[in-house]
All heavy atoms as atom14 arrays in JSON, in Angstrom:
{
  "sequence": "EVDYWRAYKILQRMLKAGLISEEEFDKIDKLNL",
  "atom14_mask": [
    [1, 1, 1, 1, 1, 1, 1, 1, 1, 0, 0, 0, 0, 0],
    [1, 1, 1, 1, 1, 1, 1, 0, 0, 0, 0, 0, 0, 0],
    [1, 1, 1, 1, 1, 1, 1, 1, 0, 0, 0, 0, 0, 0],
    [1, 1, 1, 1, 1, 1, 1, 1, 1, 1, 1, 1, 0, 0],
    [1, 1, 1, 1, 1, 1, 1, 1, 1, 1, 1, 1, 1, 1],
    [1, 1, 1, 1, 1, 1, 1, 1, 1, 1, 1, 0, 0, 0],
    [1, 1, 1, 1, 1, 0, 0, 0, 0, 0, 0, 0, 0, 0],
    [1, 1, 1, 1, 1, 1, 1, 1, 1, 1, 1, 1, 0, 0],
    [1, 1, 1, 1, 1, 1, 1, 1, 1, 0, 0, 0, 0, 0],
    [1, 1, 1, 1, 1, 1, 1, 1, 0, 0, 0, 0, 0, 0],
    [1, 1, 1, 1, 1, 1, 1, 1, 0, 0, 0, 0, 0, 0],
    [1, 1, 1, 1, 1, 1, 1, 1, 1, 0, 0, 0, 0, 0],
    [1, 1, 1, 1, 1, 1, 1, 1, 1, 1, 1, 0, 0, 0],
    [1, 1, 1, 1, 1, 1, 1, 1, 0, 0, 0, 0, 0, 0],
    [1, 1, 1, 1, 1, 1, 1, 1, 0, 0, 0, 0, 0, 0],
    [1, 1, 1, 1, 1, 1, 1, 1, 1, 0, 0, 0, 0, 0],
    [1, 1, 1, 1, 1, 0, 0, 0, 0, 0, 0, 0, 0, 0],
    [1, 1, 1, 1, 0, 0, 0, 0, 0, 0, 0, 0, 0, 0],
    [1, 1, 1, 1, 1, 1, 1, 1, 0, 0, 0, 0, 0, 0],
    [1, 1, 1, 1, 1, 1, 1, 1, 0, 0, 0, 0, 0, 0],
    [1, 1, 1, 1, 1, 1, 0, 0, 0, 0, 0, 0, 0, 0],
    [1, 1, 1, 1, 1, 1, 1, 1, 1, 0, 0, 0, 0, 0],
    [1, 1, 1, 1, 1, 1, 1, 1, 1, 0, 0, 0, 0, 0],
    [1, 1, 1, 1, 1, 1, 1, 1, 1, 0, 0, 0, 0, 0],
    [1, 1, 1, 1, 1, 1, 1, 1, 1, 1, 1, 0, 0, 0],
    [1, 1, 1, 1, 1, 1, 1, 1, 0, 0, 0, 0, 0, 0],
    [1, 1, 1, 1, 1, 1, 1, 1, 1, 0, 0, 0, 0, 0],
    [1, 1, 1, 1, 1, 1, 1, 1, 0, 0, 0, 0, 0, 0],
    [1, 1, 1, 1, 1, 1, 1, 1, 0, 0, 0, 0, 0, 0],
    [1, 1, 1, 1, 1, 1, 1, 1, 1, 0, 0, 0, 0, 0],
    [1, 1, 1, 1, 1, 1, 1, 1, 0, 0, 0, 0, 0, 0],
    [1, 1, 1, 1, 1, 1, 1, 1, 0, 0, 0, 0, 0, 0],
    [1, 1, 1, 1, 1, 1, 1, 1, 0, 0, 0, 0, 0, 0]
  ],
  "atom14_positions": [
    [[-78.72, -69.38, 226.32], [-79.55, -68.99, 225.18], [-80.43, -67.8, 225.51], [-80.49, -66.82, 224.78], [-80.47, -70.15, 224.75], [-79.78, -71.34, 224.18], [-79.18, -71.07, 222.81], [-79.78, -70.33, 222.01], [-78.1, -71.63, 222.53], [0.0, 0.0, 0.0], [0.0, 0.0, 0.0], [0.0, 0.0, 0.0], [0.0, 0.0, 0.0], [0.0, 0.0, 0.0]],
    [[-81.1, -67.88, 226.66], [-81.99, -66.8, 227.09], [-81.2, -65.5, 227.29], [-81.63, -64.44, 226.84], [-82.76, -67.2, 228.37], [-83.5, -66.02, 228.98], [-83.7, -68.36, 228.09], [0.0, 0.0, 0.0], [0.0, 0.0, 0.0], [0.0, 0.0, 0.0], [0.0, 0.0, 0.0], [0.0, 0.0, 0.0], [0.0, 0.0, 0.0], [0.0, 0.0, 0.0]],
    [[-80.07, -65.61, 227.96], [-79.26, -64.43, 228.21], [-78.78, -63.78, 226.91], [-78.81, -62.57, 226.75], [-78.04, -64.78, 229.09], [-78.43, -65.14, 230.5], [-79.56, -64.84, 230.91], [-77.59, -65.75, 231.21], [0.0, 0.0, 0.0], [0.0, 0.0, 0.0], [0.0, 0.0, 0.0], [0.0, 0.0, 0.0], [0.0, 0.0, 0.0], [0.0, 0.0, 0.0]],
    [[-78.36, -64.62, 225.94], [-77.92, -64.06, 224.67], [-79.05, -63.34, 223.97], [-78.88, -62.23, 223.5], [-77.34, -65.15, 223.75], [-77.1, -64.6, 222.38], [-76.01, -63.78, 222.12], [-78.0, -64.83, 221.33], [-75.8, -63.23, 220.87], [-77.8, -64.26, 220.08], [-76.71, -63.47, 219.86], [-76.51, -62.89, 218.61], [0.0, 0.0, 0.0], [0.0, 0.0, 0.0]],
    [[-80.24, -63.97, 223.9], [-81.34, -63.35, 223.16], [-81.84, -62.08, 223.86], [-82.27, -61.15, 223.17], [-82.45, -64.36, 222.92], [-82.03, -65.33, 221.86], [-81.71, -66.66, 222.04], [-81.8, -65.05, 220.48], [-81.29, -67.2, 220.86], [-81.34, -66.24, 219.87], [-81.92, -63.92, 219.69], [-81.02, -66.31, 218.53], [-81.61, -63.99, 218.33], [-81.17, -65.19, 217.77]],
    [[-81.78, -62.05, 225.15], [-82.12, -60.8, 225.86], [-81.15, -59.68, 225.49], [-81.54, -58.56, 225.18], [-82.1, -60.99, 227.38], [-83.31, -61.7, 227.9], [-83.22, -61.81, 229.4], [-84.37, -62.5, 229.92], [-84.4, -63.07, 231.11], [-83.35, -63.01, 231.9], [-85.5, -63.69, 231.52], [0.0, 0.0, 0.0], [0.0, 0.0, 0.0], [0.0, 0.0, 0.0]],
    [[-79.87, -60.01, 225.51], [-78.84, -59.02, 225.14], [-79.01, -58.58, 223.69], [-78.88, -57.39, 223.37], [-77.46, -59.6, 225.39], [0.0, 0.0, 0.0], [0.0, 0.0, 0.0], [0.0, 0.0, 0.0], [0.0, 0.0, 0.0], [0.0, 0.0, 0.0], [0.0, 0.0, 0.0], [0.0, 0.0, 0.0], [0.0, 0.0, 0.0], [0.0, 0.0, 0.0]],
    [[-79.34, -59.51, 222.83], [-79.53, -59.22, 221.42], [-80.69, -58.26, 221.21], [-80.6, -57.29, 220.44], [-79.72, -60.52, 220.64], [-79.82, -60.31, 219.14], [-78.67, -60.17, 218.38], [-81.04, -60.29, 218.48], [-78.72, -59.98, 217.0], [-81.11, -60.12, 217.11], [-79.95, -59.97, 216.39], [-80.03, -59.76, 215.02], [0.0, 0.0, 0.0], [0.0, 0.0, 0.0]],
    [[-81.78, -58.52, 221.88], [-82.96, -57.65, 221.77], [-82.68, -56.24, 222.31], [-83.13, -55.25, 221.73], [-84.18, -58.26, 222.51], [-84.77, -59.44, 221.81], [-85.26, -59.0, 220.46], [-86.04, -60.06, 219.77], [-86.5, -59.66, 218.42], [0.0, 0.0, 0.0], [0.0, 0.0, 0.0], [0.0, 0.0, 0.0], [0.0, 0.0, 0.0], [0.0, 0.0, 0.0]],
    [[-81.92, -56.17, 223.37], [-81.54, -54.85, 223.92], [-80.66, -54.09, 222.9], [-80.88, -52.93, 222.64], [-80.81, -55.0, 225.28], [-81.8, -55.47, 226.35], [-80.16, -53.68, 225.69], [-81.15, -55.91, 227.64], [0.0, 0.0, 0.0], [0.0, 0.0, 0.0], [0.0, 0.0, 0.0], [0.0, 0.0, 0.0], [0.0, 0.0, 0.0], [0.0, 0.0, 0.0]],
    [[-79.72, -54.81, 222.3], [-78.87, -54.21, 221.26], [-79.69, -53.69, 220.1], [-79.46, -52.6, 219.59], [-77.86, -55.22, 220.75], [-76.56, -55.39, 221.51], [-75.69, -56.45, 220.83], [-75.82, -54.08, 221.61], [0.0, 0.0, 0.0], [0.0, 0.0, 0.0], [0.0, 0.0, 0.0], [0.0, 0.0, 0.0], [0.0, 0.0, 0.0], [0.0, 0.0, 0.0]],
    [[-80.68, -54.48, 219.68], [-81.55, -54.04, 218.58], [-82.28, -52.77, 218.94], [-82.38, -51.85, 218.11], [-82.57, -55.13, 218.23], [-82.02, -56.28, 217.45], [-83.08, -57.26, 217.07], [-83.98, -57.57, 217.85], [-82.99, -57.8, 215.87], [0.0, 0.0, 0.0], [0.0, 0.0, 0.0], [0.0, 0.0, 0.0], [0.0, 0.0, 0.0], [0.0, 0.0, 0.0]],
    [[-82.78, -52.69, 220.15], [-83.49, -51.47, 220.59], [-82.53, -50.27, 220.62], [-82.92, -49.17, 220.24], [-84.11, -51.69, 221.94], [-85.31, -52.61, 221.91], [-85.99, -52.68, 223.26], [-86.79, -53.87, 223.33], [-86.82, -54.72, 224.34], [-86.06, -54.48, 225.42], [-87.58, -55.77, 224.31], [0.0, 0.0, 0.0], [0.0, 0.0, 0.0], [0.0, 0.0, 0.0]],
    [[-81.33, -50.49, 221.09], [-80.35, -49.42, 221.15], [-80.0, -48.93, 219.75], [-79.89, -47.73, 219.53], [-79.08, -49.88, 221.89], [-79.29, -50.11, 223.37], [-77.85, -50.83, 224.19], [-76.74, -49.44, 224.18], [0.0, 0.0, 0.0], [0.0, 0.0, 0.0], [0.0, 0.0, 0.0], [0.0, 0.0, 0.0], [0.0, 0.0, 0.0], [0.0, 0.0, 0.0]],
    [[-79.85, -49.85, 218.81], [-79.53, -49.5, 217.44], [-80.72, -48.71, 216.83], [-80.49, -47.66, 216.21], [-79.27, -50.78, 216.62], [-78.97, -50.57, 215.14], [-77.7, -49.75, 214.95], [-78.87, -51.91, 214.45], [0.0, 0.0, 0.0], [0.0, 0.0, 0.0], [0.0, 0.0, 0.0], [0.0, 0.0, 0.0], [0.0, 0.0, 0.0], [0.0, 0.0, 0.0]],
    [[-81.89, -49.18, 217.03], [-83.11, -48.55, 216.49], [-83.28, -47.12, 217.06], [-83.71, -46.2, 216.36], [-84.32, -49.38, 216.78], [-85.56, -48.99, 216.02], [-86.66, -49.97, 216.25], [-87.87, -49.62, 215.39], [-88.93, -50.61, 215.5], [0.0, 0.0, 0.0], [0.0, 0.0, 0.0], [0.0, 0.0, 0.0], [0.0, 0.0, 0.0], [0.0, 0.0, 0.0]],
    [[-82.91, -46.95, 218.33], [-83.02, -45.64, 218.98], [-81.87, -44.71, 218.64], [-81.85, -43.57, 219.06], [-83.1, -45.84, 220.5], [0.0, 0.0, 0.0], [0.0, 0.0, 0.0], [0.0, 0.0, 0.0], [0.0, 0.0, 0.0], [0.0, 0.0, 0.0], [0.0, 0.0, 0.0], [0.0, 0.0, 0.0], [0.0, 0.0, 0.0], [0.0, 0.0, 0.0]],
    [[-80.89, -45.21, 217.91], [-79.75, -44.38, 217.5], [-78.7, -44.23, 218.59], [-77.83, -43.36, 218.5], [0.0, 0.0, 0.0], [0.0, 0.0, 0.0], [0.0, 0.0, 0.0], [0.0, 0.0, 0.0], [0.0, 0.0, 0.0], [0.0, 0.0, 0.0], [0.0, 0.0, 0.0], [0.0, 0.0, 0.0], [0.0, 0.0, 0.0], [0.0, 0.0, 0.0]],
    [[-78.76, -45.09, 219.61], [-77.79, -45.01, 220.68], [-76.46, -45.65, 220.34], [-75.43, -45.32, 220.93], [-78.37, -45.68, 221.96], [-79.65, -45.02, 222.5], [-80.22, -45.86, 223.62], [-79.35, -43.63, 222.96], [0.0, 0.0, 0.0], [0.0, 0.0, 0.0], [0.0, 0.0, 0.0], [0.0, 0.0, 0.0], [0.0, 0.0, 0.0], [0.0, 0.0, 0.0]],
    [[-76.48, -46.59, 219.37], [-75.25, -47.22, 218.91], [-75.31, -47.29, 217.38], [-76.35, -47.25, 216.77], [-75.04, -48.63, 219.5], [-76.21, -49.57, 219.15], [-74.81, -48.59, 221.0], [-76.01, -51.02, 219.56], [0.0, 0.0, 0.0], [0.0, 0.0, 0.0], [0.0, 0.0, 0.0], [0.0, 0.0, 0.0], [0.0, 0.0, 0.0], [0.0, 0.0, 0.0]],
    [[-74.12, -47.43, 216.77], [-74.03, -47.53, 215.32], [-74.1, -49.03, 214.93], [-74.03, -49.91, 215.79], [-72.72, -46.94, 214.84], [-71.63, -47.76, 215.26], [0.0, 0.0, 0.0], [0.0, 0.0, 0.0], [0.0, 0.0, 0.0], [0.0, 0.0, 0.0], [0.0, 0.0, 0.0], [0.0, 0.0, 0.0], [0.0, 0.0, 0.0], [0.0, 0.0, 0.0]],
    [[-74.22, -49.25, 213.61], [-74.22, -50.61, 213.08], [-72.9, -51.33, 213.45], [-72.9, -52.49, 213.83], [-74.4, -50.62, 211.56], [-75.75, -50.22, 211.08], [-76.67, -51.4, 210.92], [-76.2, -52.56, 210.91], [-77.88, -51.12, 210.77], [0.0, 0.0, 0.0], [0.0, 0.0, 0.0], [0.0, 0.0, 0.0], [0.0, 0.0, 0.0], [0.0, 0.0, 0.0]],
    [[-71.8, -50.59, 213.34], [-70.49, -51.17, 213.68], [-70.44, -51.57, 215.15], [-69.95, -52.65, 215.49], [-69.38, -50.16, 213.39], [-69.01, -50.04, 211.95], [-67.86, -49.08, 211.74], [-67.16, -48.74, 212.71], [-67.67, -48.65, 210.59], [0.0, 0.0, 0.0], [0.0, 0.0, 0.0], [0.0, 0.0, 0.0], [0.0, 0.0, 0.0], [0.0, 0.0, 0.0]],
    [[-70.93, -50.69, 216.02], [-70.94, -51.01, 217.45], [-71.85, -52.2, 217.72], [-71.53, -53.08, 218.5], [-71.41, -49.79, 218.25], [-70.42, -48.66, 218.23], [-70.96, -47.36, 218.8], [-72.13, -47.03, 218.5], [-70.19, -46.69, 219.54], [0.0, 0.0, 0.0], [0.0, 0.0, 0.0], [0.0, 0.0, 0.0], [0.0, 0.0, 0.0], [0.0, 0.0, 0.0]],
    [[-73.0, -52.23, 217.06], [-73.9, -53.36, 217.21], [-73.2, -54.66, 216.86], [-73.27, -55.65, 217.63], [-75.14, -53.16, 216.29], [-76.1, -54.32, 216.31], [-77.16, -54.34, 217.22], [-75.96, -55.38, 215.42], [-78.06, -55.4, 217.24], [-76.83, -56.45, 215.47], [-77.89, -56.45, 216.35], [0.0, 0.0, 0.0], [0.0, 0.0, 0.0], [0.0, 0.0, 0.0]],
    [[-72.52, -54.7, 215.72], [-71.83, -55.92, 215.27], [-70.73, -56.33, 216.24], [-70.59, -57.52, 216.56], [-71.26, -55.72, 213.88], [-72.34, -55.63, 212.78], [-73.48, -56.1, 213.04], [-72.05, -55.09, 211.7], [0.0, 0.0, 0.0], [0.0, 0.0, 0.0], [0.0, 0.0, 0.0], [0.0, 0.0, 0.0], [0.0, 0.0, 0.0], [0.0, 0.0, 0.0]],
    [[-69.95, -55.35, 216.72], [-68.87, -55.64, 217.65], [-69.42, -56.22, 218.97], [-68.91, -57.21, 219.47], [-68.05, -54.39, 217.95], [-67.12, -53.98, 216.83], [-66.36, -52.73, 217.23], [-65.49, -52.25, 216.11], [-64.77, -51.02, 216.46], [0.0, 0.0, 0.0], [0.0, 0.0, 0.0], [0.0, 0.0, 0.0], [0.0, 0.0, 0.0], [0.0, 0.0, 0.0]],
    [[-70.45, -55.58, 219.5], [-71.0, -56.04, 220.77], [-71.65, -57.41, 220.59], [-71.5, -58.29, 221.45], [-72.02, -55.0, 221.33], [-71.3, -53.69, 221.64], [-72.72, -55.57, 222.56], [-72.25, -52.52, 221.91], [0.0, 0.0, 0.0], [0.0, 0.0, 0.0], [0.0, 0.0, 0.0], [0.0, 0.0, 0.0], [0.0, 0.0, 0.0], [0.0, 0.0, 0.0]],
    [[-72.33, -57.6, 219.47], [-72.98, -58.91, 219.23], [-71.93, -60.02, 219.15], [-72.13, -61.12, 219.7], [-73.82, -58.87, 217.97], [-74.67, -60.12, 217.81], [-75.29, -60.56, 218.82], [-74.69, -60.69, 216.71], [0.0, 0.0, 0.0], [0.0, 0.0, 0.0], [0.0, 0.0, 0.0], [0.0, 0.0, 0.0], [0.0, 0.0, 0.0], [0.0, 0.0, 0.0]],
    [[-70.81, -59.74, 218.49], [-69.73, -60.75, 218.43], [-69.2, -61.07, 219.81], [-68.93, -62.24, 220.13], [-68.6, -60.27, 217.51], [-68.98, -60.38, 216.02], [-67.86, -59.87, 215.16], [-68.33, -59.89, 213.71], [-67.36, -59.31, 212.8], [0.0, 0.0, 0.0], [0.0, 0.0, 0.0], [0.0, 0.0, 0.0], [0.0, 0.0, 0.0], [0.0, 0.0, 0.0]],
    [[-69.04, -60.04, 220.65], [-68.59, -60.27, 222.03], [-69.63, -61.11, 222.81], [-69.27, -62.01, 223.57], [-68.35, -58.96, 222.76], [-67.12, -58.18, 222.33], [-67.13, -56.8, 222.97], [-65.86, -58.95, 222.73], [0.0, 0.0, 0.0], [0.0, 0.0, 0.0], [0.0, 0.0, 0.0], [0.0, 0.0, 0.0], [0.0, 0.0, 0.0], [0.0, 0.0, 0.0]],
    [[-70.91, -60.8, 222.58], [-71.97, -61.56, 223.27], [-71.98, -63.01, 222.82], [-72.21, -63.93, 223.63], [-73.33, -60.9, 223.02], [-73.52, -59.67, 223.84], [-72.82, -59.43, 224.81], [-74.48, -58.84, 223.44], [0.0, 0.0, 0.0], [0.0, 0.0, 0.0], [0.0, 0.0, 0.0], [0.0, 0.0, 0.0], [0.0, 0.0, 0.0], [0.0, 0.0, 0.0]],
    [[-71.73, -63.25, 221.54], [-71.65, -64.64, 221.05], [-70.55, -65.4, 221.76], [-70.7, -66.57, 222.1], [-71.45, -64.65, 219.54], [-72.67, -64.32, 218.69], [-72.27, -64.12, 217.25], [-73.71, -65.44, 218.81], [0.0, 0.0, 0.0], [0.0, 0.0, 0.0], [0.0, 0.0, 0.0], [0.0, 0.0, 0.0], [0.0, 0.0, 0.0], [0.0, 0.0, 0.0]]
  ]
}
């Protein structure tokens, strides 16, 4: 649980900073799940 939420928060920051797209965010999040 902790590992997933850490990864999720990092993904959110990357998305907000423009480092990844919405599509990339969704793909990576599905892999993390």
